C-alpha atoms as a PDB file:
ATOM      1  CA  MET A   1      42.877 142.964 -14.563  1.00  0.00           C
ATOM      2  CA  GLY A   2      46.505 143.102 -15.678  1.00  0.00           C
ATOM      3  CA  ILE A   3      47.320 146.200 -13.626  1.00  0.00           C
ATOM      4  CA  ARG A   4      49.368 144.538 -10.907  1.00  0.00           C
ATOM      5  CA  HIS A   5      49.924 141.097 -12.418  1.00  0.00           C
ATOM      6  CA  GLU A   6      50.337 141.046 -16.177  1.00  0.00           C
ATOM      7  CA  THR A   7      50.338 137.244 -16.333  1.00  0.00           C
ATOM      8  CA  ALA A   8      49.078 134.351 -14.249  1.00  0.00           C
ATOM      9  CA  THR A   9      51.512 133.179 -11.573  1.00  0.00           C
ATOM     10  CA  LEU A  10      51.903 130.020  -9.554  1.00  0.00           C
ATOM     11  CA  GLU A  11      54.213 129.515  -6.585  1.00  0.00           C
ATOM     12  CA  LEU A  12      54.837 126.063  -5.150  1.00  0.00           C
ATOM     13  CA  GLU A  13      56.807 125.245  -2.017  1.00  0.00           C
ATOM     14  CA  PHE A  14      57.901 121.748  -1.070  1.00  0.00           C
ATOM     15  CA  ASN A  15      58.503 120.818   2.571  1.00  0.00           C
ATOM     16  CA  ARG A  16      58.492 117.033   2.557  1.00  0.00           C
ATOM     17  CA  ALA A  17      59.044 114.047   0.318  1.00  0.00           C
ATOM     18  CA  ILE A  18      57.012 110.869   0.851  1.00  0.00           C
ATOM     19  CA  LEU A  19      59.132 107.869  -0.060  1.00  0.00           C
ATOM     20  CA  ARG A  20      57.966 104.603  -1.547  1.00  0.00           C
ATOM     21  CA  ASP A  21      58.285 102.823   1.780  1.00  0.00           C
ATOM     22  CA  GLY A  22      56.094 105.465   3.449  1.00  0.00           C
ATOM     23  CA  ALA A  23      58.936 107.293   5.206  1.00  0.00           C
ATOM     24  CA  ILE A  24      58.860 111.099   5.166  1.00  0.00           C
ATOM     25  CA  ALA A  25      61.923 113.242   4.446  1.00  0.00           C
ATOM     26  CA  GLN A  26      61.829 116.883   5.503  1.00  0.00           C
ATOM     27  CA  ILE A  27      63.007 119.236   2.753  1.00  0.00           C
ATOM     28  CA  THR A  28      62.709 122.906   1.853  1.00  0.00           C
ATOM     29  CA  ALA A  29      62.659 123.431  -1.881  1.00  0.00           C
ATOM     30  CA  ARG A  30      61.113 125.526  -4.608  1.00  0.00           C
ATOM     31  CA  VAL A  31      60.560 125.110  -8.344  1.00  0.00           C
ATOM     32  CA  ASP A  32      63.554 125.969 -10.505  1.00  0.00           C
ATOM     33  CA  GLU A  33      62.207 124.781 -13.869  1.00  0.00           C
ATOM     34  CA  VAL A  34      59.127 123.122 -15.336  1.00  0.00           C
ATOM     35  CA  GLU A  35      60.452 120.774 -17.985  1.00  0.00           C
ATOM     36  CA  ASN A  36      59.183 121.297 -21.532  1.00  0.00           C
ATOM     37  CA  ALA A  37      56.905 124.121 -20.401  1.00  0.00           C
ATOM     38  CA  ARG A  38      56.214 127.402 -22.166  1.00  0.00           C
ATOM     39  CA  GLU A  39      56.075 129.192 -18.792  1.00  0.00           C
ATOM     40  CA  GLN A  40      59.155 130.803 -17.267  1.00  0.00           C
ATOM     41  CA  VAL A  41      60.235 130.412 -13.626  1.00  0.00           C
ATOM     42  CA  LYS A  42      61.736 133.346 -11.718  1.00  0.00           C
ATOM     43  CA  ASN A  43      62.759 133.044  -8.065  1.00  0.00           C
ATOM     44  CA  GLY A  44      60.534 130.010  -7.574  1.00  0.00           C
ATOM     45  CA  VAL A  45      57.450 131.639  -9.135  1.00  0.00           C
ATOM     46  CA  ILE A  46      55.993 130.213 -12.364  1.00  0.00           C
ATOM     47  CA  HIS A  47      54.873 132.971 -14.735  1.00  0.00           C
ATOM     48  CA  GLY A  48      52.248 132.202 -17.355  1.00  0.00           C
ATOM     49  CA  VAL A  49      52.239 133.465 -20.924  1.00  0.00           C
ATOM     50  CA  MET A  50      50.275 136.431 -22.240  1.00  0.00           C
ATOM     51  CA  SER A  51      47.313 135.679 -24.482  1.00  0.00           C
ATOM     52  CA  THR A  52      48.713 138.190 -26.985  1.00  0.00           C
ATOM     53  CA  ASP A  53      52.189 136.659 -27.010  1.00  0.00           C
ATOM     54  CA  THR A  54      51.703 134.566 -30.113  1.00  0.00           C
ATOM     55  CA  PHE A  55      53.446 133.980 -33.395  1.00  0.00           C
ATOM     56  CA  GLN A  56      50.700 135.789 -35.311  1.00  0.00           C
ATOM     57  CA  GLY A  57      50.600 138.497 -32.645  1.00  0.00           C
ATOM     58  CA  ARG A  58      54.234 139.358 -33.264  1.00  0.00           C
ATOM     59  CA  ILE A  59      53.592 139.484 -36.995  1.00  0.00           C
ATOM     60  CA  ASN A  60      50.514 141.631 -36.391  1.00  0.00           C
ATOM     61  CA  SER A  61      52.529 144.090 -34.318  1.00  0.00           C
ATOM     62  CA  CYS A  62      54.881 144.501 -37.276  1.00  0.00           C
ATOM     63  CA  LEU A  63      51.980 145.063 -39.692  1.00  0.00           C
ATOM     64  CA  ILE A  64      49.934 147.385 -37.489  1.00  0.00           C
ATOM     65  CA  HIS A  65      51.588 150.505 -38.889  1.00  0.00           C
ATOM     66  CA  LEU A  66      50.966 149.584 -42.512  1.00  0.00           C
ATOM     67  CA  PRO A  67      47.737 151.652 -42.761  1.00  0.00           C
ATOM     68  CA  THR A  68      49.813 154.746 -41.940  1.00  0.00           C
ATOM     69  CA  TRP A  69      51.735 154.241 -45.160  1.00  0.00           C
ATOM     70  CA  ASN A  70      49.067 152.490 -47.148  1.00  0.00           C
ATOM     71  CA  PRO A  71      45.428 153.004 -46.044  1.00  0.00           C
ATOM     72  CA  TYR A  72      44.313 150.161 -48.296  1.00  0.00           C
ATOM     73  CA  SER A  73      46.115 147.662 -46.031  1.00  0.00           C
ATOM     74  CA  ASP A  74      43.333 147.957 -43.416  1.00  0.00           C
ATOM     75  CA  LEU A  75      41.353 145.271 -45.217  1.00  0.00           C
ATOM     76  CA  GLY A  76      44.386 143.007 -45.321  1.00  0.00           C
ATOM     77  CA  LEU A  77      44.880 143.312 -41.543  1.00  0.00           C
ATOM     78  CA  ILE A  78      41.215 142.550 -40.893  1.00  0.00           C
ATOM     79  CA  ILE A  79      41.404 139.449 -43.077  1.00  0.00           C
ATOM     80  CA  TYR A  80      44.641 138.385 -41.371  1.00  0.00           C
ATOM     81  CA  LYS A  81      43.127 138.667 -37.872  1.00  0.00           C
ATOM     82  CA  ALA A  82      40.009 136.810 -38.989  1.00  0.00           C
ATOM     83  CA  THR A  83      42.100 134.037 -40.539  1.00  0.00           C
ATOM     84  CA  PHE A  84      44.154 133.365 -37.399  1.00  0.00           C
ATOM     85  CA  PRO A  85      41.864 133.959 -34.381  1.00  0.00           C
ATOM     86  CA  ILE A  86      43.954 131.591 -32.258  1.00  0.00           C
ATOM     87  CA  PHE A  87      45.427 132.648 -28.913  1.00  0.00           C
ATOM     88  CA  PRO A  88      47.174 130.659 -26.171  1.00  0.00           C
ATOM     89  CA  GLU A  89      45.505 129.860 -22.870  1.00  0.00           C
ATOM     90  CA  PRO A  90      46.965 132.426 -20.421  1.00  0.00           C
ATOM     91  CA  GLU A  91      46.155 130.362 -17.318  1.00  0.00           C
ATOM     92  CA  ILE A  92      48.536 127.741 -15.937  1.00  0.00           C
ATOM     93  CA  PHE A  93      47.372 124.127 -16.163  1.00  0.00           C
ATOM     94  CA  TYR A  94      49.729 121.213 -15.468  1.00  0.00           C
ATOM     95  CA  PRO A  95      48.547 117.599 -15.730  1.00  0.00           C
ATOM     96  CA  SER A  96      49.538 114.856 -13.331  1.00  0.00           C
ATOM     97  CA  GLY A  97      53.056 113.661 -14.041  1.00  0.00           C
ATOM     98  CA  THR A  98      54.487 117.068 -14.971  1.00  0.00           C
ATOM     99  CA  ASP A  99      58.253 117.068 -14.403  1.00  0.00           C
ATOM    100  CA  MET A 100      59.637 119.875 -12.265  1.00  0.00           C
ATOM    101  CA  ARG A 101      63.222 120.570 -11.339  1.00  0.00           C
ATOM    102  CA  LEU A 102      63.547 121.680  -7.710  1.00  0.00           C
ATOM    103  CA  THR A 103      66.210 123.646  -5.886  1.00  0.00           C
ATOM    104  CA  THR A 104      66.652 123.220  -2.147  1.00  0.00           C
ATOM    105  CA  THR A 105      66.695 126.504  -0.241  1.00  0.00           C
ATOM    106  CA  VAL A 106      67.901 124.940   3.011  1.00  0.00           C
ATOM    107  CA  PRO A 107      70.633 122.278   3.199  1.00  0.00           C
ATOM    108  CA  ILE A 108      69.326 118.769   3.858  1.00  0.00           C
ATOM    109  CA  SER A 109      71.055 117.482   6.966  1.00  0.00           C
ATOM    110  CA  SER A 110      70.264 113.812   6.439  1.00  0.00           C
ATOM    111  CA  ILE A 111      68.790 111.919   3.500  1.00  0.00           C
ATOM    112  CA  PRO A 112      67.104 108.541   4.028  1.00  0.00           C
ATOM    113  CA  VAL A 113      68.713 105.770   2.048  1.00  0.00           C
ATOM    114  CA  SER A 114      65.527 105.146   0.080  1.00  0.00           C
ATOM    115  CA  LEU A 115      65.522 108.772  -1.108  1.00  0.00           C
ATOM    116  CA  GLN A 116      68.872 108.480  -2.830  1.00  0.00           C
ATOM    117  CA  VAL A 117      68.030 107.699  -6.439  1.00  0.00           C
ATOM    118  CA  GLY A 118      70.949 106.143  -8.272  1.00  0.00           C
ATOM    119  CA  GLU A 119      71.428 104.318 -11.520  1.00  0.00           C
ATOM    120  CA  LYS A 120      71.905 100.598 -11.093  1.00  0.00           C
ATOM    121  CA  THR A 121      75.074  99.161 -12.518  1.00  0.00           C
ATOM    122  CA  ASP A 122      75.547  95.548 -13.460  1.00  0.00           C
ATOM    123  CA  SER A 123      79.188  94.699 -14.210  1.00  0.00           C
ATOM    124  CA  SER A 124      78.803  90.912 -14.448  1.00  0.00           C
ATOM    125  CA  ASN A 125      78.551  90.997 -18.222  1.00  0.00           C
ATOM    126  CA  TYR A 126      80.683  94.088 -18.739  1.00  0.00           C
ATOM    127  CA  ALA A 127      83.099  92.407 -21.154  1.00  0.00           C
ATOM    128  CA  GLN A 128      80.244  91.288 -23.388  1.00  0.00           C
ATOM    129  CA  LEU A 129      78.610  94.714 -23.281  1.00  0.00           C
ATOM    130  CA  ASP A 130      81.911  96.406 -24.026  1.00  0.00           C
ATOM    131  CA  ALA A 131      82.349  94.248 -27.124  1.00  0.00           C
ATOM    132  CA  LEU A 132      78.862  95.198 -28.308  1.00  0.00           C
ATOM    133  CA  VAL A 133      79.336  98.916 -27.711  1.00  0.00           C
ATOM    134  CA  GLN A 134      82.622  99.050 -29.594  1.00  0.00           C
ATOM    135  CA  GLN A 135      80.731  97.898 -32.709  1.00  0.00           C
ATOM    136  CA  MET A 136      78.030 100.532 -32.248  1.00  0.00           C
ATOM    137  CA  PRO A 137      77.649 103.151 -35.023  1.00  0.00           C
ATOM    138  CA  GLN A 138      78.795 106.634 -34.042  1.00  0.00           C
ATOM    139  CA  ARG A 139      75.883 108.736 -35.267  1.00  0.00           C
ATOM    140  CA  SER A 140      72.814 108.817 -37.462  1.00  0.00           C
ATOM    141  CA  ARG A 141      72.454 110.699 -40.740  1.00  0.00           C
ATOM    142  CA  THR A 142      69.711 112.558 -42.540  1.00  0.00           C
ATOM    143  CA  THR A 143      68.179 111.303 -45.760  1.00  0.00           C
ATOM    144  CA  LYS A 144      70.616 113.643 -47.547  1.00  0.00           C
ATOM    145  CA  ALA A 145      73.592 111.906 -45.867  1.00  0.00           C
ATOM    146  CA  VAL A 146      74.315 114.816 -43.501  1.00  0.00           C
ATOM    147  CA  ALA A 147      75.716 113.811 -40.082  1.00  0.00           C
ATOM    148  CA  ALA A 148      72.976 114.066 -37.459  1.00  0.00           C
ATOM    149  CA  ASP A 149      72.425 112.915 -33.847  1.00  0.00           C
ATOM    150  CA  LEU A 150      74.975 110.932 -31.859  1.00  0.00           C
ATOM    151  CA  VAL A 151      74.131 107.397 -30.813  1.00  0.00           C
ATOM    152  CA  ASN A 152      74.329 107.373 -27.018  1.00  0.00           C
ATOM    153  CA  LEU A 153      71.901 104.723 -25.766  1.00  0.00           C
ATOM    154  CA  ALA A 154      71.261 101.035 -26.309  1.00  0.00           C
ATOM    155  CA  PHE A 155      68.462  98.837 -25.010  1.00  0.00           C
ATOM    156  CA  LEU A 156      68.604  95.079 -24.531  1.00  0.00           C
ATOM    157  CA  GLY A 157      65.213  93.407 -24.821  1.00  0.00           C
ATOM    158  CA  SER A 158      62.388  92.714 -27.222  1.00  0.00           C
ATOM    159  CA  GLN A 159      60.531  95.354 -29.195  1.00  0.00           C
ATOM    160  CA  GLU A 160      57.453  94.756 -27.044  1.00  0.00           C
ATOM    161  CA  GLN A 161      59.474  95.364 -23.875  1.00  0.00           C
ATOM    162  CA  VAL A 162      60.931  98.622 -25.183  1.00  0.00           C
ATOM    163  CA  GLN A 163      57.521  99.875 -26.276  1.00  0.00           C
ATOM    164  CA  ALA A 164      55.891  98.896 -22.982  1.00  0.00           C
ATOM    165  CA  ALA A 165      58.660 100.638 -21.027  1.00  0.00           C
ATOM    166  CA  PHE A 166      58.236 103.984 -22.781  1.00  0.00           C
ATOM    167  CA  LEU A 167      54.450 103.822 -22.562  1.00  0.00           C
ATOM    168  CA  ALA A 168      54.668 103.092 -18.845  1.00  0.00           C
ATOM    169  CA  ALA A 169      57.017 106.071 -18.420  1.00  0.00           C
ATOM    170  CA  GLY A 170      54.543 108.431 -20.094  1.00  0.00           C
ATOM    171  CA  TRP A 171      56.211 108.840 -23.484  1.00  0.00           C
ATOM    172  CA  SER A 172      54.325 109.074 -26.791  1.00  0.00           C
ATOM    173  CA  GLY A 173      55.026 107.996 -30.340  1.00  0.00           C
ATOM    174  CA  ALA A 174      55.073 110.256 -33.391  1.00  0.00           C
ATOM    175  CA  ASN A 175      52.424 110.732 -36.057  1.00  0.00           C
ATOM    176  CA  PRO A 176      53.504 110.380 -39.688  1.00  0.00           C
ATOM    177  CA  ILE A 177      53.953 113.550 -41.699  1.00  0.00           C
ATOM    178  CA  SER A 178      50.623 114.299 -43.369  1.00  0.00           C
ATOM    179  CA  ARG A 179      48.276 117.188 -44.046  1.00  0.00           C
ATOM    180  CA  HIS A 180      46.578 116.567 -40.726  1.00  0.00           C
ATOM    181  CA  SER A 181      49.822 116.535 -38.736  1.00  0.00           C
ATOM    182  CA  VAL A 182      51.086 119.649 -40.544  1.00  0.00           C
ATOM    183  CA  ALA A 183      47.832 121.455 -39.694  1.00  0.00           C
ATOM    184  CA  HIS A 184      48.167 120.276 -36.075  1.00  0.00           C
ATOM    185  CA  ASP A 185      51.761 121.543 -36.058  1.00  0.00           C
ATOM    186  CA  PHE A 186      50.671 124.935 -37.353  1.00  0.00           C
ATOM    187  CA  CYS A 187      47.877 125.209 -34.791  1.00  0.00           C
ATOM    188  CA  ALA A 188      50.285 124.337 -31.957  1.00  0.00           C
ATOM    189  CA  VAL A 189      52.597 127.139 -33.096  1.00  0.00           C
ATOM    190  CA  LEU A 190      49.772 129.663 -33.260  1.00  0.00           C
ATOM    191  CA  ASN A 191      48.288 128.937 -29.834  1.00  0.00           C
ATOM    192  CA  LYS A 192      51.678 128.280 -28.225  1.00  0.00           C
ATOM    193  CA  SER A 193      50.829 124.771 -27.072  1.00  0.00           C
ATOM    194  CA  GLY A 194      52.341 121.323 -27.263  1.00  0.00           C
ATOM    195  CA  TYR A 195      51.806 118.491 -29.719  1.00  0.00           C
ATOM    196  CA  ALA A 196      52.211 115.184 -27.894  1.00  0.00           C
ATOM    197  CA  ARG A 197      52.644 113.163 -31.109  1.00  0.00           C
ATOM    198  CA  GLU A 198      54.578 115.695 -33.150  1.00  0.00           C
ATOM    199  CA  PRO A 199      56.060 114.137 -36.321  1.00  0.00           C
ATOM    200  CA  MET A 200      59.785 113.444 -36.532  1.00  0.00           C
ATOM    201  CA  LEU A 201      62.015 113.547 -39.557  1.00  0.00           C
ATOM    202  CA  THR A 202      63.452 110.276 -40.799  1.00  0.00           C
ATOM    203  CA  PHE A 203      67.088 109.685 -39.837  1.00  0.00           C
ATOM    204  CA  LEU A 204      69.180 106.806 -41.105  1.00  0.00           C
ATOM    205  CA  LEU A 205      71.552 104.502 -39.274  1.00  0.00           C
ATOM    206  CA  ASP A 206      73.666 102.387 -41.608  1.00  0.00           C
ATOM    207  CA  GLY A 207      71.203 103.375 -44.322  1.00  0.00           C
ATOM    208  CA  LYS A 208      68.147 102.170 -42.360  1.00  0.00           C
ATOM    209  CA  PRO A 209      65.338 104.470 -41.086  1.00  0.00           C
ATOM    210  CA  GLN A 210      64.380 104.390 -37.425  1.00  0.00           C
ATOM    211  CA  ASP A 211      62.088 101.619 -36.209  1.00  0.00           C
ATOM    212  CA  MET A 212      60.567 103.613 -33.341  1.00  0.00           C
ATOM    213  CA  ASN A 213      60.048 107.240 -32.351  1.00  0.00           C
ATOM    214  CA  TRP A 214      59.440 108.343 -28.769  1.00  0.00           C
ATOM    215  CA  GLN A 215      58.920 111.796 -27.306  1.00  0.00           C
ATOM    216  CA  LYS A 216      57.692 113.583 -24.203  1.00  0.00           C
ATOM    217  CA  SER A 217      56.414 117.143 -24.169  1.00  0.00           C
ATOM    218  CA  LEU A 218      54.127 119.371 -22.108  1.00  0.00           C
ATOM    219  CA  ASN A 219      52.599 122.609 -23.412  1.00  0.00           C
ATOM    220  CA  SER A 220      55.384 124.001 -25.583  1.00  0.00           C
ATOM    221  CA  TYR A 221      55.761 123.327 -29.296  1.00  0.00           C
ATOM    222  CA  GLY A 222      59.482 124.093 -29.226  1.00  0.00           C
ATOM    223  CA  ARG A 223      60.514 122.036 -26.184  1.00  0.00           C
ATOM    224  CA  ARG A 224      60.425 118.257 -25.919  1.00  0.00           C
ATOM    225  CA  ASP A 225      62.473 115.174 -25.110  1.00  0.00           C
ATOM    226  CA  HIS A 226      62.716 112.810 -28.027  1.00  0.00           C
ATOM    227  CA  LEU A 227      64.691 109.899 -29.402  1.00  0.00           C
ATOM    228  CA  ARG A 228      64.800 107.617 -32.403  1.00  0.00           C
ATOM    229  CA  ILE A 229      65.455 103.893 -32.031  1.00  0.00           C
ATOM    230  CA  TRP A 230      66.889 101.449 -34.559  1.00  0.00           C
ATOM    231  CA  GLU A 231      67.078  97.674 -34.306  1.00  0.00           C
ATOM    232  CA  TRP A 232      70.715  96.666 -34.478  1.00  0.00           C
ATOM    233  CA  HIS A 233      72.303  93.262 -35.080  1.00  0.00           C
ATOM    234  CA  PRO A 234      75.873  93.213 -33.701  1.00  0.00           C
ATOM    235  CA  GLN A 235      78.067  90.152 -33.614  1.00  0.00           C
ATOM    236  CA  GLY A 236      77.879  88.178 -30.380  1.00  0.00           C
ATOM    237  CA  ALA A 237      74.501  89.521 -29.224  1.00  0.00           C
ATOM    238  CA  SER A 238      72.364  86.914 -27.471  1.00  0.00           C
ATOM    239  CA  GLU A 239      69.182  89.068 -27.485  1.00  0.00           C
ATOM    240  CA  SER A 240      67.663  91.947 -29.395  1.00  0.00           C
ATOM    241  CA  VAL A 241      69.626  95.195 -29.306  1.00  0.00           C
ATOM    242  CA  TRP A 242      68.075  98.608 -29.956  1.00  0.00           C
ATOM    243  CA  VAL A 243      70.336 101.641 -30.319  1.00  0.00           C
ATOM    244  CA  SER A 244      69.152 105.202 -29.955  1.00  0.00           C
ATOM    245  CA  SER A 245      70.084 108.860 -30.174  1.00  0.00           C
ATOM    246  CA  SER A 246      68.414 110.919 -27.438  1.00  0.00           C
ATOM    247  CA  THR A 247      68.223 114.714 -27.733  1.00  0.00           C
ATOM    248  CA  HIS A 248      66.259 117.566 -26.197  1.00  0.00           C
ATOM    249  CA  ASP A 249      64.573 120.245 -28.294  1.00  0.00           C
ATOM    250  CA  SER A 250      65.066 123.591 -26.560  1.00  0.00           C
ATOM    251  CA  GLY A 251      63.209 125.807 -29.028  1.00  0.00           C
ATOM    252  CA  ALA A 252      61.716 126.157 -32.500  1.00  0.00           C
ATOM    253  CA  MET A 253      61.843 128.789 -35.191  1.00  0.00           C
ATOM    254  CA  LEU A 254      60.571 129.353 -38.715  1.00  0.00           C
ATOM    255  CA  SER A 255      63.334 128.626 -41.203  1.00  0.00           C
ATOM    256  CA  VAL A 256      63.222 130.055 -44.723  1.00  0.00           C
ATOM    257  CA  LYS A 257      66.076 127.756 -45.766  1.00  0.00           C
ATOM    258  CA  TYR A 258      64.271 124.576 -44.747  1.00  0.00           C
ATOM    259  CA  LYS A 259      60.801 125.951 -45.611  1.00  0.00           C
ATOM    260  CA  GLY A 260      59.263 125.145 -42.247  1.00  0.00           C
ATOM    261  CA  PHE A 261      59.775 125.081 -38.502  1.00  0.00           C
ATOM    262  CA  VAL A 262      63.049 123.671 -37.222  1.00  0.00           C
ATOM    263  CA  HIS A 263      64.065 122.832 -33.665  1.00  0.00           C
ATOM    264  CA  HIS A 264      67.143 123.842 -31.714  1.00  0.00           C
ATOM    265  CA  ILE A 265      68.901 120.920 -30.009  1.00  0.00           C
ATOM    266  CA  SER A 266      70.314 121.339 -26.508  1.00  0.00           C
ATOM    267  CA  PRO A 267      74.079 120.625 -26.498  1.00  0.00           C
ATOM    268  CA  ASP A 268      73.907 118.840 -23.124  1.00  0.00           C
ATOM    269  CA  ILE A 269      73.174 115.313 -24.326  1.00  0.00           C
ATOM    270  CA  ASP A 270      74.361 113.996 -20.936  1.00  0.00           C
ATOM    271  CA  ALA A 271      71.267 115.506 -19.321  1.00  0.00           C
ATOM    272  CA  GLU A 272      68.937 114.108 -21.960  1.00  0.00           C
ATOM    273  CA  ARG A 273      70.422 110.642 -21.678  1.00  0.00           C
ATOM    274  CA  ALA A 274      69.943 110.851 -17.896  1.00  0.00           C
ATOM    275  CA  THR A 275      66.315 111.898 -18.425  1.00  0.00           C
ATOM    276  CA  VAL A 276      65.572 108.771 -20.445  1.00  0.00           C
ATOM    277  CA  ILE A 277      67.265 106.518 -17.889  1.00  0.00           C
ATOM    278  CA  ARG A 278      65.488 108.254 -14.996  1.00  0.00           C
ATOM    279  CA  ASP A 279      62.032 107.963 -16.555  1.00  0.00           C
ATOM    280  CA  LEU A 280      62.344 104.278 -17.424  1.00  0.00           C
ATOM    281  CA  ASN A 281      63.982 103.538 -14.076  1.00  0.00           C
ATOM    282  CA  CYS A 282      61.243 105.299 -12.075  1.00  0.00           C
ATOM    283  CA  ALA A 283      58.619 103.418 -14.081  1.00  0.00           C
ATOM    284  CA  GLY A 284      60.197 100.162 -12.887  1.00  0.00           C
ATOM    285  CA  CYS A 285      61.076  99.028 -16.410  1.00  0.00           C
ATOM    286  CA  VAL A 286      64.874  98.804 -16.102  1.00  0.00           C
ATOM    287  CA  ARG A 287      66.715  95.718 -14.899  1.00  0.00           C
ATOM    288  CA  SER A 288      70.171  97.275 -14.919  1.00  0.00           C
ATOM    289  CA  VAL A 289      72.189 100.157 -16.353  1.00  0.00           C
ATOM    290  CA  THR A 290      75.812  99.916 -17.432  1.00  0.00           C
ATOM    291  CA  TYR A 291      78.054 102.697 -18.706  1.00  0.00           C
ATOM    292  CA  VAL A 292      80.585 101.588 -21.297  1.00  0.00           C
ATOM    293  CA  SER A 293      83.439 103.812 -22.450  1.00  0.00           C
ATOM    294  CA  ARG A 294      83.974 104.485 -26.167  1.00  0.00           C
ATOM    295  CA  PRO A 295      87.447 106.040 -26.617  1.00  0.00           C
ATOM    296  CA  GLU A 296      87.058 106.519 -30.363  1.00  0.00           C
ATOM    297  CA  SER A 297      83.728 108.239 -29.833  1.00  0.00           C
ATOM    298  CA  GLN A 298      85.247 110.496 -27.174  1.00  0.00           C
ATOM    299  CA  ARG A 299      87.997 111.537 -29.595  1.00  0.00           C
ATOM    300  CA  LEU A 300      85.393 112.325 -32.236  1.00  0.00           C
ATOM    301  CA  HIS A 301      83.366 114.402 -29.796  1.00  0.00           C
ATOM    302  CA  LYS A 302      86.425 116.378 -28.716  1.00  0.00           C
ATOM    303  CA  MET A 303      87.235 117.195 -32.311  1.00  0.00           C
ATOM    304  CA  GLN A 304      83.686 118.433 -32.888  1.00  0.00           C
ATOM    305  CA  ARG A 305      83.217 120.279 -29.613  1.00  0.00           C
ATOM    306  CA  ALA A 306      84.128 123.643 -31.098  1.00  0.00           C
ATOM    307  CA  THR A 307      81.404 123.470 -33.727  1.00  0.00           C
ATOM    308  CA  SER A 308      78.679 121.359 -32.203  1.00  0.00           C
ATOM    309  CA  CYS A 309      79.202 122.029 -28.475  1.00  0.00           C
ATOM    310  CA  LEU A 310      78.759 118.342 -27.745  1.00  0.00           C
ATOM    311  CA  ARG A 311      80.264 117.064 -24.544  1.00  0.00           C
ATOM    312  CA  THR A 312      82.453 113.972 -24.378  1.00  0.00           C
ATOM    313  CA  VAL A 313      80.306 111.217 -22.905  1.00  0.00           C
ATOM    314  CA  PRO A 314      80.461 107.477 -22.349  1.00  0.00           C
ATOM    315  CA  SER A 315      77.598 105.395 -23.729  1.00  0.00           C
ATOM    316  CA  PRO A 316      75.210 103.629 -21.362  1.00  0.00           C
ATOM    317  CA  LEU A 317      73.656 100.307 -22.196  1.00  0.00           C
ATOM    318  CA  LEU A 318      70.305  99.521 -20.629  1.00  0.00           C
ATOM    319  CA  SER A 319      69.172  95.989 -20.140  1.00  0.00           C
END
């Protein structure tokens, strides 16, 4: 009834991990974060949202005192509430495949070999990959020629293989910007939910718009993993090369300057790059992963660290 517990709560405890080969590893862990979720986690307990904690609810709380100063505003408030009768679902529902970050509460004395998840590295063609990466563009740009996301991933394979890999890993494409998608966007903001195929702005790489958009979200409009992919034709490439900028949206807000909702980008692009590699790797769609250093890119990142908070990272190349 909201007297003792103001919101729904969910507590999960993990005591074993079943490996692919059937072996069982004993662990003691609790949830530290539910990725791309609107719910908050405190001390291992997932706390749901309040049905009144909405965008229109916060506006309504600011307007509620208007009748005190202007009695004629009562009608306006009634119309406003009738226009936006949308509230988020206060219960906690997570579909199969929800990503959760766990924290062990007891040290693990021994880890089976099959439990150790690592990124495969293939150094046989390192010289060729290094030559390709050194030609790679540094970053994308907006349609107004403003510097945008850093290019930090490349995929070797056909377009069909890249698309099949992301679909197998549970990622979705993006709907084009239209009246329908804008209305869907607005509804997702009002009921504090996710939009699996949320539109993406067009970014340019060497003057060319992205060829593919991929994203993964849960039940939060402001939080999602997403990346844009461009087909790239470097010298010396024996197969199709697709370069990408992967970023994580950590929140959204209404911007008067840009006349719409804008997303905040997490500065830790290392973590987002690792998320993409992990998802495709766990889906069994990666043959090998190679990290290639880009000294010029590292120098650029160091120069921009003070303003953009971007970390200096090498660039992986997936094949």
